[in-house]
């Protein structure tokens, strides 16, 4: 699991989802499985948040399993992210029937190749 200092507090991204004023997250970068939003942060570490909605699966156990897959991938690859950013990963419904390897390949393709250039 990702350490607490690298996890984005729920209050930060719940404001973004509600589209309240002061929204600092940039428009999403998408692939078929994930939508990723970024925002600058005054901190020296990169913080991550993962959202798996009920449209993925009604069972909390399945949604938590998908979150764990994403958080474990982030823990392994945290060294590739520069500090000072908040990154919100929204899991899209197409991911529910995929295996762990396919999910991790998609995360690698999206987060390691596209995001460093933003």
N, C-alpha and C. Protein backbone atom coordinates (compact mmCIF):
# COMPACT_ATOMS: atom_id res chain seq x y z
N UNK A 1 0.84 -1.18 0.00
CA UNK A 1 0.00 0.00 0.00
C UNK A 1 0.88 1.24 0.00
N UNK A 2 0.41 2.26 -0.59
CA UNK A 2 1.11 3.53 -0.68
C UNK A 2 1.13 4.20 0.69
N UNK A 3 2.26 4.79 1.06
CA UNK A 3 2.35 5.43 2.37
C UNK A 3 1.40 6.62 2.46
N UNK A 4 1.06 6.98 3.67
CA UNK A 4 0.05 8.02 3.89
C UNK A 4 0.47 9.37 3.32
N UNK A 5 1.75 9.68 3.36
CA UNK A 5 2.19 10.98 2.86
C UNK A 5 2.05 11.09 1.34
N UNK A 6 1.93 9.95 0.66
CA UNK A 6 1.75 9.96 -0.79
C UNK A 6 0.28 9.79 -1.20
N UNK A 7 -0.63 9.72 -0.22
CA UNK A 7 -2.04 9.59 -0.54
C UNK A 7 -2.73 10.94 -0.48
N UNK A 8 -3.54 11.21 -1.44
CA UNK A 8 -4.28 12.46 -1.53
C UNK A 8 -5.49 12.39 -0.60
N UNK A 9 -5.67 13.38 0.29
CA UNK A 9 -6.83 13.37 1.18
C UNK A 9 -8.13 13.46 0.39
N UNK A 10 -9.15 12.80 0.86
CA UNK A 10 -10.42 12.78 0.16
C UNK A 10 -11.03 14.16 -0.02
N UNK A 11 -10.78 15.07 0.90
CA UNK A 11 -11.36 16.41 0.80
C UNK A 11 -10.82 17.16 -0.41
N UNK A 12 -9.62 16.86 -0.83
CA UNK A 12 -9.03 17.56 -1.96
C UNK A 12 -9.72 17.18 -3.26
N UNK A 13 -9.90 15.88 -3.49
CA UNK A 13 -10.50 15.52 -4.78
C UNK A 13 -12.02 15.45 -4.74
N UNK A 14 -12.64 15.44 -3.57
CA UNK A 14 -14.10 15.51 -3.56
C UNK A 14 -14.57 16.90 -3.99
N UNK A 15 -13.79 17.92 -3.70
CA UNK A 15 -14.11 19.26 -4.17
C UNK A 15 -14.01 19.34 -5.68
N UNK A 16 -13.04 18.63 -6.25
CA UNK A 16 -12.87 18.63 -7.70
C UNK A 16 -14.05 17.95 -8.38
N UNK A 17 -14.50 16.85 -7.82
CA UNK A 17 -15.61 16.12 -8.44
C UNK A 17 -16.91 16.90 -8.35
N UNK A 18 -17.05 17.71 -7.31
CA UNK A 18 -18.25 18.51 -7.17
C UNK A 18 -18.23 19.78 -8.01
N UNK A 19 -17.11 20.02 -8.68
CA UNK A 19 -16.94 21.20 -9.55
C UNK A 19 -17.20 22.50 -8.80
N UNK A 20 -16.70 22.57 -7.56
CA UNK A 20 -16.82 23.81 -6.80
C UNK A 20 -15.82 24.83 -7.33
N UNK A 21 -15.99 26.05 -6.93
CA UNK A 21 -15.03 27.06 -7.37
C UNK A 21 -13.68 26.77 -6.74
N UNK A 22 -12.63 27.21 -7.39
CA UNK A 22 -11.29 26.94 -6.90
C UNK A 22 -10.75 25.61 -7.39
N UNK A 23 -11.37 25.05 -8.42
CA UNK A 23 -10.93 23.79 -8.99
C UNK A 23 -9.55 23.97 -9.62
N UNK A 24 -8.55 23.27 -9.08
CA UNK A 24 -7.20 23.44 -9.58
C UNK A 24 -6.74 22.27 -10.44
N UNK A 25 -7.52 21.22 -10.54
CA UNK A 25 -7.11 20.09 -11.35
C UNK A 25 -7.25 20.42 -12.83
N UNK A 26 -6.23 20.07 -13.58
CA UNK A 26 -6.24 20.29 -15.03
C UNK A 26 -7.20 19.30 -15.68
N UNK A 27 -7.59 19.57 -16.94
CA UNK A 27 -8.44 18.60 -17.64
C UNK A 27 -7.78 17.22 -17.70
N UNK A 28 -8.61 16.23 -17.79
CA UNK A 28 -8.14 14.85 -17.69
C UNK A 28 -7.38 14.39 -18.92
N UNK A 29 -6.39 13.53 -18.66
CA UNK A 29 -5.71 12.78 -19.71
C UNK A 29 -6.31 11.38 -19.63
N UNK A 30 -6.76 10.85 -20.76
CA UNK A 30 -7.48 9.58 -20.74
C UNK A 30 -6.83 8.55 -21.65
N UNK A 31 -7.03 7.30 -21.26
CA UNK A 31 -6.87 6.19 -22.19
C UNK A 31 -8.13 5.36 -22.02
N UNK A 32 -8.17 4.16 -22.49
CA UNK A 32 -9.40 3.39 -22.43
C UNK A 32 -9.81 2.95 -21.03
N UNK A 33 -8.86 2.93 -20.09
CA UNK A 33 -9.15 2.38 -18.77
C UNK A 33 -9.13 3.38 -17.64
N UNK A 34 -8.40 4.49 -17.82
CA UNK A 34 -8.22 5.45 -16.74
C UNK A 34 -8.37 6.88 -17.25
N UNK A 35 -8.78 7.73 -16.34
CA UNK A 35 -8.78 9.17 -16.56
C UNK A 35 -7.91 9.75 -15.45
N UNK A 36 -6.94 10.59 -15.81
CA UNK A 36 -5.99 11.11 -14.84
C UNK A 36 -6.03 12.63 -14.84
N UNK A 37 -6.17 13.21 -13.65
CA UNK A 37 -6.16 14.66 -13.48
C UNK A 37 -4.97 15.03 -12.61
N UNK A 38 -4.37 16.18 -12.90
CA UNK A 38 -3.23 16.65 -12.13
C UNK A 38 -3.46 18.06 -11.65
N UNK A 39 -2.80 18.39 -10.54
CA UNK A 39 -2.84 19.75 -10.00
C UNK A 39 -1.48 20.02 -9.35
N UNK A 40 -1.03 21.27 -9.41
CA UNK A 40 0.20 21.61 -8.70
C UNK A 40 -0.03 21.54 -7.20
N UNK A 41 1.02 21.26 -6.47
CA UNK A 41 0.93 21.14 -5.02
C UNK A 41 2.13 21.85 -4.39
N UNK A 42 1.94 22.50 -3.26
CA UNK A 42 3.07 23.17 -2.60
C UNK A 42 4.00 22.19 -1.87
N UNK A 43 3.61 20.94 -1.79
CA UNK A 43 4.41 19.94 -1.08
C UNK A 43 5.55 19.43 -1.95
N UNK A 44 6.52 18.80 -1.32
CA UNK A 44 7.67 18.27 -2.06
C UNK A 44 7.46 16.85 -2.55
N UNK A 45 6.36 16.24 -2.17
CA UNK A 45 6.06 14.87 -2.60
C UNK A 45 4.85 14.88 -3.53
N UNK A 46 4.78 13.88 -4.36
CA UNK A 46 3.61 13.70 -5.21
C UNK A 46 2.58 12.89 -4.44
N UNK A 47 1.33 13.35 -4.46
CA UNK A 47 0.25 12.64 -3.77
C UNK A 47 -0.71 12.09 -4.82
N UNK A 48 -1.24 10.90 -4.53
CA UNK A 48 -2.13 10.20 -5.46
C UNK A 48 -3.47 9.91 -4.81
N UNK A 49 -4.51 10.02 -5.59
CA UNK A 49 -5.84 9.60 -5.18
C UNK A 49 -6.41 8.68 -6.25
N UNK A 50 -7.15 7.67 -5.84
CA UNK A 50 -7.75 6.72 -6.78
C UNK A 50 -9.24 6.67 -6.52
N UNK A 51 -10.02 6.83 -7.58
CA UNK A 51 -11.48 6.77 -7.47
C UNK A 51 -11.98 5.59 -8.29
N UNK A 52 -12.72 4.71 -7.65
CA UNK A 52 -13.38 3.59 -8.33
C UNK A 52 -14.85 3.72 -7.99
N UNK A 53 -15.64 4.14 -8.94
CA UNK A 53 -17.06 4.40 -8.69
C UNK A 53 -17.91 3.15 -8.68
N UNK A 54 -19.15 3.33 -8.26
CA UNK A 54 -20.08 2.21 -8.20
C UNK A 54 -20.49 1.74 -9.59
N UNK A 55 -20.21 2.54 -10.62
CA UNK A 55 -20.53 2.08 -11.97
C UNK A 55 -19.56 0.98 -12.42
N UNK A 56 -18.46 0.79 -11.71
CA UNK A 56 -17.52 -0.29 -12.01
C UNK A 56 -18.10 -1.61 -11.52
N UNK A 57 -18.47 -1.66 -10.26
CA UNK A 57 -19.05 -2.86 -9.67
C UNK A 57 -19.78 -2.44 -8.40
N UNK A 58 -20.91 -3.05 -8.13
CA UNK A 58 -21.67 -2.65 -6.95
C UNK A 58 -21.06 -3.18 -5.66
N UNK A 59 -20.18 -4.18 -5.78
CA UNK A 59 -19.57 -4.78 -4.60
C UNK A 59 -18.34 -3.99 -4.17
N UNK A 60 -18.31 -3.61 -2.92
CA UNK A 60 -17.18 -2.84 -2.38
C UNK A 60 -15.88 -3.65 -2.43
N UNK A 61 -15.98 -4.96 -2.26
CA UNK A 61 -14.77 -5.79 -2.29
C UNK A 61 -14.08 -5.72 -3.65
N UNK A 62 -14.84 -5.74 -4.72
CA UNK A 62 -14.27 -5.65 -6.07
C UNK A 62 -13.67 -4.26 -6.30
N UNK A 63 -14.37 -3.22 -5.87
CA UNK A 63 -13.84 -1.86 -6.03
C UNK A 63 -12.56 -1.67 -5.23
N UNK A 64 -12.52 -2.18 -4.01
CA UNK A 64 -11.31 -2.08 -3.20
C UNK A 64 -10.16 -2.89 -3.79
N UNK A 65 -10.47 -4.02 -4.41
CA UNK A 65 -9.43 -4.82 -5.06
C UNK A 65 -8.79 -4.03 -6.20
N UNK A 66 -9.61 -3.34 -6.99
CA UNK A 66 -9.07 -2.53 -8.08
C UNK A 66 -8.23 -1.37 -7.54
N UNK A 67 -8.67 -0.77 -6.45
CA UNK A 67 -7.87 0.29 -5.82
C UNK A 67 -6.53 -0.23 -5.36
N UNK A 68 -6.53 -1.42 -4.76
CA UNK A 68 -5.27 -2.01 -4.29
C UNK A 68 -4.31 -2.28 -5.44
N UNK A 69 -4.83 -2.73 -6.57
CA UNK A 69 -3.99 -2.95 -7.74
C UNK A 69 -3.31 -1.65 -8.15
N UNK A 70 -4.07 -0.58 -8.22
CA UNK A 70 -3.53 0.71 -8.63
C UNK A 70 -2.54 1.23 -7.59
N UNK A 71 -2.89 1.18 -6.32
CA UNK A 71 -1.99 1.67 -5.27
C UNK A 71 -0.70 0.85 -5.20
N UNK A 72 -0.78 -0.46 -5.39
CA UNK A 72 0.43 -1.28 -5.39
C UNK A 72 1.33 -0.94 -6.57
N UNK A 73 0.74 -0.70 -7.74
CA UNK A 73 1.54 -0.28 -8.88
C UNK A 73 2.21 1.06 -8.59
N UNK A 74 1.49 1.98 -7.99
CA UNK A 74 2.06 3.28 -7.65
C UNK A 74 3.21 3.14 -6.65
N UNK A 75 3.04 2.26 -5.68
CA UNK A 75 4.10 2.05 -4.69
C UNK A 75 5.38 1.56 -5.35
N UNK A 76 5.26 0.66 -6.32
CA UNK A 76 6.44 0.14 -7.01
C UNK A 76 7.10 1.20 -7.88
N UNK A 77 6.33 2.13 -8.41
CA UNK A 77 6.84 3.08 -9.40
C UNK A 77 6.90 4.52 -8.89
N UNK A 78 6.84 4.73 -7.60
CA UNK A 78 6.80 6.08 -7.03
C UNK A 78 8.06 6.87 -7.35
N UNK A 79 9.17 6.21 -7.57
CA UNK A 79 10.44 6.91 -7.82
C UNK A 79 10.44 7.65 -9.15
N UNK A 80 9.53 7.32 -10.06
CA UNK A 80 9.48 7.96 -11.37
C UNK A 80 8.70 9.27 -11.38
N UNK A 81 8.09 9.64 -10.26
CA UNK A 81 7.25 10.83 -10.21
C UNK A 81 7.97 11.94 -9.45
N UNK A 82 8.03 13.11 -10.08
CA UNK A 82 8.66 14.25 -9.41
C UNK A 82 7.68 14.84 -8.41
N UNK A 83 8.20 15.50 -7.40
CA UNK A 83 7.38 16.06 -6.33
C UNK A 83 6.62 17.29 -6.76
N UNK A 84 5.69 17.69 -5.91
CA UNK A 84 4.95 18.92 -6.14
C UNK A 84 3.72 18.79 -7.01
N UNK A 85 3.16 17.58 -7.11
CA UNK A 85 1.94 17.41 -7.89
C UNK A 85 0.95 16.54 -7.13
N UNK A 86 -0.32 16.83 -7.33
CA UNK A 86 -1.40 15.96 -6.87
C UNK A 86 -1.97 15.29 -8.10
N UNK A 87 -2.06 13.98 -8.08
CA UNK A 87 -2.54 13.22 -9.23
C UNK A 87 -3.74 12.40 -8.81
N UNK A 88 -4.83 12.57 -9.54
CA UNK A 88 -6.08 11.87 -9.27
C UNK A 88 -6.32 10.89 -10.40
N UNK A 89 -6.45 9.60 -10.07
CA UNK A 89 -6.67 8.55 -11.06
C UNK A 89 -8.11 8.06 -10.92
N UNK A 90 -8.87 8.19 -11.98
CA UNK A 90 -10.26 7.74 -11.98
C UNK A 90 -10.33 6.49 -12.84
N UNK A 91 -10.78 5.40 -12.25
CA UNK A 91 -10.87 4.12 -12.96
C UNK A 91 -12.18 4.10 -13.75
N UNK A 92 -12.08 3.77 -15.03
CA UNK A 92 -13.26 3.72 -15.91
C UNK A 92 -13.84 2.30 -15.95
N UNK A 93 -15.09 2.16 -16.34
CA UNK A 93 -15.77 0.85 -16.27
C UNK A 93 -15.13 -0.27 -17.08
N UNK A 94 -14.35 0.03 -18.10
CA UNK A 94 -13.78 -1.02 -18.94
C UNK A 94 -12.74 -1.88 -18.21
N UNK A 95 -12.28 -1.43 -17.06
CA UNK A 95 -11.21 -2.12 -16.36
C UNK A 95 -11.69 -3.34 -15.58
N UNK A 96 -12.96 -3.47 -15.34
CA UNK A 96 -13.44 -4.51 -14.41
C UNK A 96 -13.23 -5.94 -14.90
N UNK A 97 -13.11 -6.16 -16.20
CA UNK A 97 -12.94 -7.52 -16.70
C UNK A 97 -11.50 -7.85 -17.07
N UNK A 98 -10.56 -6.97 -16.76
CA UNK A 98 -9.18 -7.18 -17.14
C UNK A 98 -8.38 -7.83 -16.01
N UNK A 99 -7.27 -8.43 -16.38
CA UNK A 99 -6.37 -9.04 -15.42
C UNK A 99 -5.40 -7.98 -14.90
N UNK A 100 -4.76 -8.31 -13.80
CA UNK A 100 -3.82 -7.39 -13.14
C UNK A 100 -2.72 -6.93 -14.11
N UNK A 101 -2.16 -7.82 -14.89
CA UNK A 101 -1.08 -7.45 -15.81
C UNK A 101 -1.53 -6.42 -16.83
N UNK A 102 -2.74 -6.59 -17.36
CA UNK A 102 -3.25 -5.64 -18.35
C UNK A 102 -3.50 -4.27 -17.72
N UNK A 103 -3.99 -4.26 -16.50
CA UNK A 103 -4.22 -3.00 -15.79
C UNK A 103 -2.90 -2.29 -15.54
N UNK A 104 -1.89 -3.04 -15.11
CA UNK A 104 -0.58 -2.43 -14.84
C UNK A 104 0.08 -1.92 -16.12
N UNK A 105 -0.07 -2.63 -17.23
CA UNK A 105 0.48 -2.15 -18.50
C UNK A 105 -0.17 -0.85 -18.93
N UNK A 106 -1.47 -0.76 -18.74
CA UNK A 106 -2.18 0.47 -19.09
C UNK A 106 -1.74 1.62 -18.21
N UNK A 107 -1.57 1.37 -16.91
CA UNK A 107 -1.09 2.40 -16.00
C UNK A 107 0.31 2.87 -16.40
N UNK A 108 1.17 1.93 -16.74
CA UNK A 108 2.53 2.29 -17.16
C UNK A 108 2.49 3.15 -18.41
N UNK A 109 1.68 2.74 -19.36
CA UNK A 109 1.59 3.51 -20.60
C UNK A 109 1.07 4.92 -20.40
N UNK A 110 0.11 5.05 -19.52
CA UNK A 110 -0.50 6.36 -19.30
C UNK A 110 0.34 7.24 -18.38
N UNK A 111 0.71 6.71 -17.23
CA UNK A 111 1.36 7.54 -16.23
C UNK A 111 2.86 7.76 -16.47
N UNK A 112 3.54 6.77 -17.00
CA UNK A 112 4.98 6.92 -17.18
C UNK A 112 5.35 7.54 -18.52
N UNK A 113 4.48 7.43 -19.52
CA UNK A 113 4.84 8.00 -20.81
C UNK A 113 4.18 9.35 -21.07
N UNK A 114 2.91 9.52 -20.71
CA UNK A 114 2.21 10.76 -21.03
C UNK A 114 2.33 11.83 -19.97
N UNK A 115 2.23 11.47 -18.70
CA UNK A 115 2.19 12.48 -17.64
C UNK A 115 3.48 13.25 -17.41
N UNK A 116 4.65 12.66 -17.53
CA UNK A 116 5.85 13.46 -17.27
C UNK A 116 5.98 14.65 -18.21
N UNK A 117 5.32 14.60 -19.35
CA UNK A 117 5.43 15.67 -20.33
C UNK A 117 4.42 16.79 -20.09
N UNK A 118 3.53 16.61 -19.14
CA UNK A 118 2.51 17.63 -18.88
C UNK A 118 2.98 18.65 -17.86
